[in-house]
Amino acid sequence: MPDFRLKVFYTVAQTLNFNKAAEVLNITQPAVTKHIKELEKTYNLTLFDRTYKRISLTKAGEILLQHTHLIFEQYQKLDFDLNLLQNKTQGLLHIGASTTIAQYIIPAYLAKFHKRFPDITVELTNANSLEIEQLLTDKKIELGLVEGNTSNSDLKYIPFLNDEIVLVGNVKNKNSRKETISLKELTKIPLLIREEGSGTTEMIESNLAKKGIKMSNLEIQMQLGSTESIKNYLLHSNAFAFLSIYSVQQELTNDRLTVVDIDGLEIKRNFSFVYRQGQPSPLAELFMKFAAFK
């Protein structure tokens, strides 16, 4: 186990509040102060600037926090490797997944993973691709699954699954009776889109741009924050939407929605694992290897 003083420091650095840190650690506030003072004495440096009712990290505190992250990661790897020798894999894995993946793909993988590794607890956060990357950067999660062509030099991307974004509409929509429409016709039909930051929206925009079509050229009827909202809207309107083929399997099978091809336009993408540059955490690596063979 790492030095408890580092755990105290890390908790204070995260909460920026001695009282809250004491509550999290289930110790007294004077005990928190004592541990911080011991660390400051050890390095002969001030780790926190203390003003009335507020604290903040000093430069020394920021450096120590960076190294504390690395130390905790190494201890986690040590625990993982030693537990593997006993066939005892356990721990907590924080995963973040973009909306399409979180709703339609990852739950089946998580169920199988839990069955194989019942002592590993997984916490899943659902957000759009840009938000997932920010959570990784902020070290709030260890592993992300994102959609689209986002690229952050601080992060490592590993392709996971192929996807296709298709144009869908209500089967009762008279415009859905066409099996194929032209790019010109696309600019004249009412469309629903996801919010800015969505990997799906990003892919649509970049692929249309290659055909000389801007988002402003489209008849965007409404912007909605989830795929489920868009699908339900489509079932009660004559609008269309670009959605992942994975997200509409049930509606296609039940003949509630239908795919309309676009002449000269095919939108394909990868779903990718993403983690901070360097070696992924042991549990994150285990999950990626497990998912690759399922």
Protein backbone atom coordinates (compact mmCIF):
# COMPACT_ATOMS: atom_id res chain seq x y z
CA MET A 1 0.00 0.00 0.00
CA PRO A 2 1.27 3.52 -0.74
CA ASP A 3 2.28 5.92 2.01
CA PHE A 4 -0.96 7.00 3.71
CA ARG A 5 0.35 10.55 3.80
CA LEU A 6 0.30 10.55 -0.01
CA LYS A 7 -3.29 9.35 0.05
CA VAL A 8 -4.16 12.22 2.39
CA PHE A 9 -2.34 14.69 0.15
CA TYR A 10 -4.06 13.33 -2.96
CA THR A 11 -7.50 13.60 -1.34
CA VAL A 12 -6.89 17.18 -0.21
CA ALA A 13 -5.60 18.06 -3.68
CA GLN A 14 -8.78 16.65 -5.24
CA THR A 15 -11.21 18.28 -2.83
CA LEU A 16 -9.21 21.43 -2.00
CA ASN A 17 -10.83 21.24 1.40
CA PHE A 18 -9.33 19.76 4.59
CA ASN A 19 -12.72 19.00 6.13
CA LYS A 20 -14.02 17.22 3.02
CA ALA A 21 -10.79 15.24 2.77
CA ALA A 22 -11.21 14.16 6.39
CA GLU A 23 -14.75 12.94 5.63
CA VAL A 24 -13.61 10.99 2.57
CA LEU A 25 -10.76 9.36 4.49
CA ASN A 26 -12.82 8.85 7.64
CA ILE A 27 -10.25 10.58 9.83
CA THR A 28 -10.29 13.86 11.75
CA GLN A 29 -9.45 17.23 10.23
CA PRO A 30 -6.48 17.69 12.63
CA ALA A 31 -5.14 14.33 11.42
CA VAL A 32 -5.32 15.56 7.82
CA THR A 33 -3.43 18.72 8.78
CA LYS A 34 -0.82 16.64 10.61
CA HIS A 35 -0.13 14.42 7.59
CA ILE A 36 0.18 17.40 5.25
CA LYS A 37 2.56 19.17 7.62
CA GLU A 38 4.70 16.02 7.83
CA LEU A 39 4.98 15.91 4.04
CA GLU A 40 5.84 19.61 3.90
CA LYS A 41 8.49 19.07 6.57
CA THR A 42 9.94 16.09 4.69
CA TYR A 43 10.47 18.13 1.52
CA ASN A 44 10.91 21.49 3.23
CA LEU A 45 8.35 22.92 0.83
CA THR A 46 4.83 24.33 1.10
CA LEU A 47 2.33 22.17 -0.76
CA PHE A 48 -0.79 24.31 -0.36
CA ASP A 49 -1.41 28.04 -0.32
CA ARG A 50 -3.81 28.68 2.53
CA THR A 51 -6.04 31.75 2.50
CA TYR A 52 -9.27 32.49 4.34
CA LYS A 53 -11.61 29.54 3.65
CA ARG A 54 -9.69 28.59 0.50
CA ILE A 55 -6.66 26.50 -0.38
CA SER A 56 -4.83 25.88 -3.64
CA LEU A 57 -1.84 23.85 -4.77
CA THR A 58 1.55 25.50 -4.88
CA LYS A 59 3.97 24.68 -7.69
CA ALA A 60 5.53 22.07 -5.40
CA GLY A 61 2.07 20.68 -4.70
CA GLU A 62 1.32 20.38 -8.43
CA ILE A 63 4.57 18.46 -8.98
CA LEU A 64 3.87 16.15 -6.04
CA LEU A 65 0.34 15.51 -7.36
CA GLN A 66 1.72 14.46 -10.76
CA HIS A 67 4.10 12.00 -9.11
CA THR A 68 1.40 10.76 -6.74
CA HIS A 69 -0.70 9.75 -9.75
CA LEU A 70 2.24 7.76 -11.09
CA ILE A 71 2.96 6.15 -7.71
CA PHE A 72 -0.66 5.06 -7.28
CA GLU A 73 -0.70 3.63 -10.81
CA GLN A 74 2.43 1.58 -10.05
CA TYR A 75 0.91 0.24 -6.83
CA GLN A 76 -2.21 -0.71 -8.77
CA LYS A 77 -0.07 -2.59 -11.30
CA LEU A 78 1.79 -4.32 -8.47
CA ASP A 79 -1.46 -5.44 -6.84
CA PHE A 80 -2.76 -6.63 -10.20
CA ASP A 81 0.33 -8.68 -11.07
CA LEU A 82 0.54 -10.29 -7.63
CA ASN A 83 -3.18 -11.09 -7.61
CA LEU A 84 -2.86 -12.72 -11.03
CA LEU A 85 -0.36 -15.16 -9.52
CA GLN A 86 -3.16 -16.26 -7.20
CA ASN A 87 -5.75 -16.07 -9.98
CA LYS A 88 -7.34 -13.31 -7.90
CA THR A 89 -8.18 -10.35 -10.14
CA GLN A 90 -10.05 -7.57 -8.39
CA GLY A 91 -10.31 -3.81 -8.18
CA LEU A 92 -12.25 -0.83 -9.51
CA LEU A 93 -12.20 0.20 -13.18
CA HIS A 94 -13.59 3.57 -14.27
CA ILE A 95 -14.74 3.51 -17.90
CA GLY A 96 -16.25 6.33 -19.93
CA ALA A 97 -18.17 5.62 -23.13
CA SER A 98 -19.70 7.93 -25.70
CA THR A 99 -23.46 7.81 -26.02
CA THR A 100 -23.89 5.31 -28.87
CA ILE A 101 -21.37 2.88 -27.39
CA ALA A 102 -22.73 3.21 -23.84
CA GLN A 103 -26.31 2.57 -24.90
CA TYR A 104 -26.04 -0.07 -27.60
CA ILE A 105 -22.67 -1.84 -27.49
CA ILE A 106 -20.77 -1.86 -24.19
CA PRO A 107 -23.49 -3.29 -21.86
CA ALA A 108 -23.18 -6.77 -23.41
CA TYR A 109 -19.40 -6.67 -23.00
CA LEU A 110 -19.72 -5.53 -19.39
CA ALA A 111 -22.10 -8.38 -18.56
CA LYS A 112 -19.68 -10.97 -19.97
CA PHE A 113 -16.72 -9.27 -18.27
CA HIS A 114 -18.48 -9.34 -14.90
CA LYS A 115 -19.30 -13.02 -15.34
CA ARG A 116 -15.62 -13.77 -16.00
CA PHE A 117 -14.20 -11.38 -13.38
CA PRO A 118 -16.86 -10.98 -10.65
CA ASP A 119 -14.45 -9.29 -8.22
CA ILE A 120 -13.78 -6.37 -10.58
CA THR A 121 -16.18 -3.47 -10.12
CA VAL A 122 -16.79 -1.35 -13.22
CA GLU A 123 -18.20 2.16 -13.05
CA LEU A 124 -19.45 3.44 -16.42
CA THR A 125 -19.82 7.12 -17.28
CA ASN A 126 -21.89 8.11 -20.32
CA ALA A 127 -20.96 11.33 -22.16
CA ASN A 128 -20.14 12.49 -25.67
CA SER A 129 -16.71 11.80 -27.19
CA LEU A 130 -15.16 15.18 -26.36
CA GLU A 131 -16.35 14.94 -22.76
CA ILE A 132 -14.90 11.41 -22.44
CA GLU A 133 -11.52 12.69 -23.61
CA GLN A 134 -11.68 15.50 -21.06
CA LEU A 135 -12.47 13.01 -18.28
CA LEU A 136 -9.35 11.05 -19.29
CA THR A 137 -7.24 14.20 -19.32
CA ASP A 138 -8.57 15.10 -15.87
CA LYS A 139 -7.83 11.52 -14.69
CA LYS A 140 -11.45 10.95 -13.71
CA ILE A 141 -11.55 7.70 -15.71
CA GLU A 142 -8.91 5.17 -16.80
CA LEU A 143 -10.37 4.01 -20.10
CA GLY A 144 -12.65 5.56 -22.68
CA LEU A 145 -14.56 4.33 -25.70
CA VAL A 146 -15.21 7.02 -28.28
CA GLU A 147 -16.63 7.41 -31.77
CA GLY A 148 -15.45 9.54 -34.64
CA ASN A 149 -12.12 11.02 -35.67
CA THR A 150 -11.23 12.99 -32.56
CA SER A 151 -7.51 13.15 -31.90
CA ASN A 152 -5.78 14.38 -28.76
CA SER A 153 -1.98 14.10 -28.68
CA ASP A 154 -2.09 13.34 -24.95
CA LEU A 155 -4.23 10.25 -25.56
CA LYS A 156 -3.69 6.87 -27.21
CA TYR A 157 -6.39 5.48 -29.54
CA ILE A 158 -6.89 1.76 -30.28
CA PRO A 159 -9.53 0.75 -32.90
CA PHE A 160 -12.17 -1.50 -31.37
CA LEU A 161 -15.14 -1.94 -33.67
CA ASN A 162 -16.27 -0.84 -37.15
CA ASP A 163 -19.46 1.18 -37.48
CA GLU A 164 -21.51 2.74 -40.24
CA ILE A 165 -23.65 5.86 -39.91
CA VAL A 166 -26.83 5.56 -41.97
CA LEU A 167 -29.71 7.86 -42.86
CA VAL A 168 -32.95 6.57 -41.32
CA GLY A 169 -36.57 7.65 -41.33
CA ASN A 170 -40.01 6.46 -40.30
CA VAL A 171 -41.26 3.67 -42.60
CA LYS A 172 -44.54 5.62 -42.90
CA ASN A 173 -42.67 8.66 -44.18
CA LYS A 174 -43.42 8.97 -47.90
CA ASN A 175 -39.86 10.14 -48.53
CA SER A 176 -38.58 6.91 -46.95
CA ARG A 177 -40.06 4.90 -49.81
CA LYS A 178 -37.07 5.80 -51.95
CA GLU A 179 -34.25 3.33 -51.55
CA THR A 180 -31.69 5.93 -52.63
CA ILE A 181 -31.60 9.73 -52.69
CA SER A 182 -29.08 12.16 -54.16
CA LEU A 183 -26.87 14.55 -52.23
CA LYS A 184 -28.99 17.40 -53.60
CA GLU A 185 -32.14 15.76 -52.24
CA LEU A 186 -30.40 15.32 -48.89
CA THR A 187 -30.14 19.11 -48.53
CA LYS A 188 -33.91 19.47 -48.92
CA ILE A 189 -35.23 16.98 -46.35
CA PRO A 190 -35.80 17.81 -42.64
CA LEU A 191 -33.01 16.43 -40.46
CA LEU A 192 -32.40 15.85 -36.77
CA ILE A 193 -28.86 15.98 -35.41
CA ARG A 194 -27.07 15.31 -32.14
CA GLU A 195 -25.44 18.00 -30.03
CA GLU A 196 -22.08 19.65 -30.74
CA GLY A 197 -19.28 17.43 -29.42
CA SER A 198 -21.07 14.26 -30.49
CA GLY A 199 -18.81 11.88 -32.40
CA THR A 200 -21.69 11.08 -34.75
CA THR A 201 -22.25 14.74 -35.62
CA GLU A 202 -18.53 15.24 -36.17
CA MET A 203 -18.36 12.31 -38.60
CA ILE A 204 -21.39 13.54 -40.55
CA GLU A 205 -19.95 17.04 -40.83
CA SER A 206 -16.50 15.88 -42.00
CA ASN A 207 -17.88 13.43 -44.58
CA LEU A 208 -20.35 15.93 -46.01
CA ALA A 209 -17.58 18.54 -46.22
CA LYS A 210 -15.68 16.20 -48.53
CA LYS A 211 -18.70 16.36 -50.84
CA GLY A 212 -18.82 20.16 -50.67
CA ILE A 213 -21.81 20.27 -48.33
CA LYS A 214 -21.78 22.37 -45.16
CA MET A 215 -24.02 21.74 -42.18
CA SER A 216 -25.57 25.14 -42.90
CA ASN A 217 -26.73 23.77 -46.27
CA LEU A 218 -28.92 21.20 -44.52
CA GLU A 219 -32.52 21.64 -43.39
CA ILE A 220 -31.87 20.95 -39.71
CA GLN A 221 -35.23 20.75 -38.00
CA MET A 222 -33.99 20.17 -34.46
CA GLN A 223 -30.94 19.29 -32.36
CA LEU A 224 -31.47 16.62 -29.71
CA GLY A 225 -29.15 15.37 -26.98
CA SER A 226 -29.56 11.61 -27.30
CA THR A 227 -30.01 8.91 -29.91
CA GLU A 228 -33.13 7.60 -28.14
CA SER A 229 -34.74 11.04 -28.32
CA ILE A 230 -33.99 11.22 -32.03
CA LYS A 231 -35.45 7.75 -32.70
CA ASN A 232 -38.64 8.54 -30.80
CA TYR A 233 -38.96 11.85 -32.65
CA LEU A 234 -38.58 10.05 -36.00
CA LEU A 235 -41.43 7.69 -35.12
CA HIS A 236 -43.75 10.70 -34.88
CA SER A 237 -42.52 12.84 -37.77
CA ASN A 238 -41.41 12.97 -41.39
CA ALA A 239 -37.86 13.94 -40.45
CA PHE A 240 -34.69 11.92 -41.03
CA ALA A 241 -31.51 11.43 -39.02
CA PHE A 242 -28.01 10.03 -39.38
CA LEU A 243 -27.54 7.31 -36.75
CA SER A 244 -25.18 4.43 -36.02
CA ILE A 245 -26.40 1.18 -37.56
CA TYR A 246 -25.95 -0.40 -34.12
CA SER A 247 -28.46 2.00 -32.59
CA VAL A 248 -31.35 1.15 -34.92
CA GLN A 249 -31.15 -2.65 -35.15
CA GLN A 250 -34.37 -3.20 -33.20
CA GLU A 251 -36.34 -0.56 -35.11
CA LEU A 252 -35.17 -1.96 -38.46
CA THR A 253 -36.12 -5.50 -37.43
CA ASN A 254 -39.56 -4.33 -36.28
CA ASP A 255 -40.11 -2.30 -39.49
CA ARG A 256 -40.51 0.97 -37.63
CA LEU A 257 -37.54 2.75 -39.20
CA THR A 258 -35.89 2.21 -42.57
CA VAL A 259 -32.49 3.02 -44.07
CA VAL A 260 -32.29 5.33 -47.09
CA ASP A 261 -29.03 5.17 -49.04
CA ILE A 262 -27.39 8.34 -50.32
CA ASP A 263 -25.84 8.16 -53.76
CA GLY A 264 -22.10 8.83 -53.48
CA LEU A 265 -22.02 9.02 -49.67
CA GLU A 266 -20.96 6.27 -47.29
CA ILE A 267 -20.04 7.14 -43.70
CA LYS A 268 -17.92 4.55 -41.95
CA ARG A 269 -15.90 4.95 -38.77
CA ASN A 270 -14.14 3.15 -35.95
CA PHE A 271 -15.19 2.95 -32.35
CA SER A 272 -11.94 3.21 -30.40
CA PHE A 273 -10.55 2.53 -26.97
CA VAL A 274 -8.71 5.57 -25.66
CA TYR A 275 -6.45 6.08 -22.66
CA ARG A 276 -3.74 8.47 -21.51
CA GLN A 277 -0.42 8.16 -23.33
CA GLY A 278 1.82 5.53 -21.75
CA GLN A 279 0.91 2.18 -20.30
CA PRO A 280 -2.82 1.68 -19.59
CA SER A 281 -3.82 0.63 -16.10
CA PRO A 282 -3.80 -3.17 -15.59
CA LEU A 283 -7.57 -3.38 -15.34
CA ALA A 284 -8.03 -1.20 -18.43
CA GLU A 285 -5.60 -3.41 -20.34
CA LEU A 286 -7.41 -6.53 -19.14
CA PHE A 287 -10.77 -5.18 -20.30
CA MET A 288 -9.40 -4.23 -23.73
CA LYS A 289 -7.90 -7.69 -24.22
CA PHE A 290 -11.13 -9.32 -23.03
CA ALA A 291 -13.28 -7.22 -25.40
CA ALA A 292 -11.00 -7.97 -28.36
CA PHE A 293 -11.85 -11.67 -28.17
CA LYS A 294 -15.60 -11.37 -27.49
